[in-house]
C-alpha atoms as a PDB file:
ATOM      1  CA  MET A   1       0.000   0.000   0.000  1.00  0.00           C
ATOM      2  CA  GLN A   2       1.052   3.597  -0.414  1.00  0.00           C
ATOM      3  CA  THR A   3       3.333   5.044   2.226  1.00  0.00           C
ATOM      4  CA  HIS A   4       2.886   8.731   1.364  1.00  0.00           C
ATOM      5  CA  CYS A   5      -0.756   8.870   2.425  1.00  0.00           C
ATOM      6  CA  ALA A   6      -1.579  11.196   5.271  1.00  0.00           C
ATOM      7  CA  PHE A   7      -4.434  12.398   7.418  1.00  0.00           C
ATOM      8  CA  ARG A   8      -5.548  16.018   7.138  1.00  0.00           C
ATOM      9  CA  ILE A   9      -3.476  16.904  10.205  1.00  0.00           C
ATOM     10  CA  GLY A  10      -0.359  15.735   8.375  1.00  0.00           C
ATOM     11  CA  LYS A  11       0.147  12.480  10.284  1.00  0.00           C
ATOM     12  CA  PRO A  12       1.178   9.675   7.899  1.00  0.00           C
ATOM     13  CA  MET A  13      -1.332   6.851   7.480  1.00  0.00           C
ATOM     14  CA  SER A  14      -0.085   3.465   8.611  1.00  0.00           C
ATOM     15  CA  LEU A  15      -0.797   0.353   6.570  1.00  0.00           C
ATOM     16  CA  HIS A  16      -3.585  -0.497   9.023  1.00  0.00           C
ATOM     17  CA  ASP A  17      -5.075   2.989   8.588  1.00  0.00           C
ATOM     18  CA  GLN A  18      -5.064   2.555   4.810  1.00  0.00           C
ATOM     19  CA  VAL A  19      -6.674  -0.891   4.958  1.00  0.00           C
ATOM     20  CA  ALA A  20      -9.329   0.438   7.350  1.00  0.00           C
ATOM     21  CA  LEU A  21     -10.061   3.371   5.038  1.00  0.00           C
ATOM     22  CA  ALA A  22     -10.363   1.101   1.990  1.00  0.00           C
ATOM     23  CA  LEU A  23     -12.614  -1.372   3.791  1.00  0.00           C
ATOM     24  CA  ARG A  24     -14.793   1.464   5.123  1.00  0.00           C
ATOM     25  CA  ARG A  25     -15.222   2.841   1.597  1.00  0.00           C
ATOM     26  CA  LEU A  26     -15.942  -0.560   0.052  1.00  0.00           C
ATOM     27  CA  ARG A  27     -18.362  -1.558   2.814  1.00  0.00           C
ATOM     28  CA  SER A  28     -20.333   1.664   3.025  1.00  0.00           C
ATOM     29  CA  GLY A  29     -20.468   2.818  -0.569  1.00  0.00           C
ATOM     30  CA  SER A  30     -20.523   6.340   0.854  1.00  0.00           C
ATOM     31  CA  SER A  31     -19.309   9.272  -1.187  1.00  0.00           C
ATOM     32  CA  LEU A  32     -15.616  10.130  -1.271  1.00  0.00           C
ATOM     33  CA  ILE A  33     -16.305  13.275   0.726  1.00  0.00           C
ATOM     34  CA  THR A  34     -18.276  11.443   3.421  1.00  0.00           C
ATOM     35  CA  THR A  35     -15.660   8.694   3.705  1.00  0.00           C
ATOM     36  CA  GLY A  36     -12.811  11.215   3.808  1.00  0.00           C
ATOM     37  CA  ASP A  37     -14.544  13.394   6.399  1.00  0.00           C
ATOM     38  CA  SER A  38     -15.356  10.433   8.651  1.00  0.00           C
ATOM     39  CA  SER A  39     -11.773   9.172   8.548  1.00  0.00           C
ATOM     40  CA  GLY A  40      -9.968  12.514   8.748  1.00  0.00           C
ATOM     41  CA  THR A  41      -8.513  12.385   5.235  1.00  0.00           C
ATOM     42  CA  HIS A  42      -9.005  14.519   2.158  1.00  0.00           C
ATOM     43  CA  HIS A  43     -11.600  13.077  -0.208  1.00  0.00           C
ATOM     44  CA  SER A  44      -8.986  12.775  -2.979  1.00  0.00           C
ATOM     45  CA  MET A  45      -7.025  10.295  -0.850  1.00  0.00           C
ATOM     46  CA  VAL A  46      -9.966   7.850  -0.567  1.00  0.00           C
ATOM     47  CA  PRO A  47      -9.965   6.468  -4.148  1.00  0.00           C
ATOM     48  CA  GLN A  48      -6.159   6.277  -4.237  1.00  0.00           C
ATOM     49  CA  VAL A  49      -6.003   4.204  -1.059  1.00  0.00           C
ATOM     50  CA  THR A  50      -9.003   2.082  -2.054  1.00  0.00           C
ATOM     51  CA  TRP A  51      -7.629   1.319  -5.524  1.00  0.00           C
ATOM     52  CA  THR A  52      -4.226   0.380  -4.111  1.00  0.00           C
ATOM     53  CA  PHE A  53      -5.925  -1.954  -1.613  1.00  0.00           C
ATOM     54  CA  VAL A  54      -8.053  -3.616  -4.308  1.00  0.00           C
ATOM     55  CA  GLU A  55      -5.004  -4.120  -6.535  1.00  0.00           C
ATOM     56  CA  ALA A  56      -3.070  -5.680  -3.642  1.00  0.00           C
ATOM     57  CA  ILE A  57      -5.930  -8.071  -2.893  1.00  0.00           C
ATOM     58  CA  GLU A  58      -6.125  -8.970  -6.557  1.00  0.00           C
ATOM     59  CA  ARG A  59      -2.386  -9.686  -6.742  1.00  0.00           C
ATOM     60  CA  MET A  60      -1.973 -11.468  -3.421  1.00  0.00           C
ATOM     61  CA  GLY A  61      -5.398 -13.037  -3.027  1.00  0.00           C
ATOM     62  CA  ILE A  62      -5.458 -14.932  -6.302  1.00  0.00           C
ATOM     63  CA  GLN A  63      -3.498 -17.778  -4.737  1.00  0.00           C
ATOM     64  CA  HIS A  64      -6.141 -18.126  -1.995  1.00  0.00           C
ATOM     65  CA  ILE A  65      -9.317 -17.710  -4.032  1.00  0.00           C
ATOM     66  CA  LYS A  66     -10.491 -20.424  -6.391  1.00  0.00           C
ATOM     67  CA  TRP A  67     -13.726 -21.707  -7.813  1.00  0.00           C
ATOM     68  CA  PRO A  68     -14.774 -25.247  -6.929  1.00  0.00           C
ATOM     69  CA  SER A  69     -13.522 -27.618  -9.611  1.00  0.00           C
ATOM     70  CA  THR A  70     -15.743 -30.611  -8.875  1.00  0.00           C
ATOM     71  CA  GLU A  71     -19.394 -31.120  -7.987  1.00  0.00           C
ATOM     72  CA  ASN A  72     -18.359 -32.339  -4.509  1.00  0.00           C
ATOM     73  CA  GLU A  73     -16.316 -29.191  -3.867  1.00  0.00           C
ATOM     74  CA  LEU A  74     -19.267 -27.089  -5.017  1.00  0.00           C
ATOM     75  CA  MET A  75     -21.687 -28.880  -2.693  1.00  0.00           C
ATOM     76  CA  GLU A  76     -19.248 -28.602   0.209  1.00  0.00           C
ATOM     77  CA  MET A  77     -18.864 -24.875  -0.427  1.00  0.00           C
ATOM     78  CA  LYS A  78     -22.624 -24.368  -0.626  1.00  0.00           C
ATOM     79  CA  SER A  79     -23.118 -26.191   2.674  1.00  0.00           C
ATOM     80  CA  MET A  80     -21.006 -23.565   4.429  1.00  0.00           C
ATOM     81  CA  PHE A  81     -23.584 -20.859   3.732  1.00  0.00           C
END
């Protein structure tokens, strides 16, 4: 994730701060301004952090996410919900 992200007060955002901001934006669907205001960041920082997070999940998560390849795997997966 980006290391040059900062809160409005100038404090750098930690990795955890950036992940929290991205998850808040993805979960809520709120506007950039609302998300930025509620987290203490400028609204222009919200899409940058969110996009970086999504790209990281795409790159790193692909090895952990897979579709069931057999009928048994599919049924087992369905039974978990």
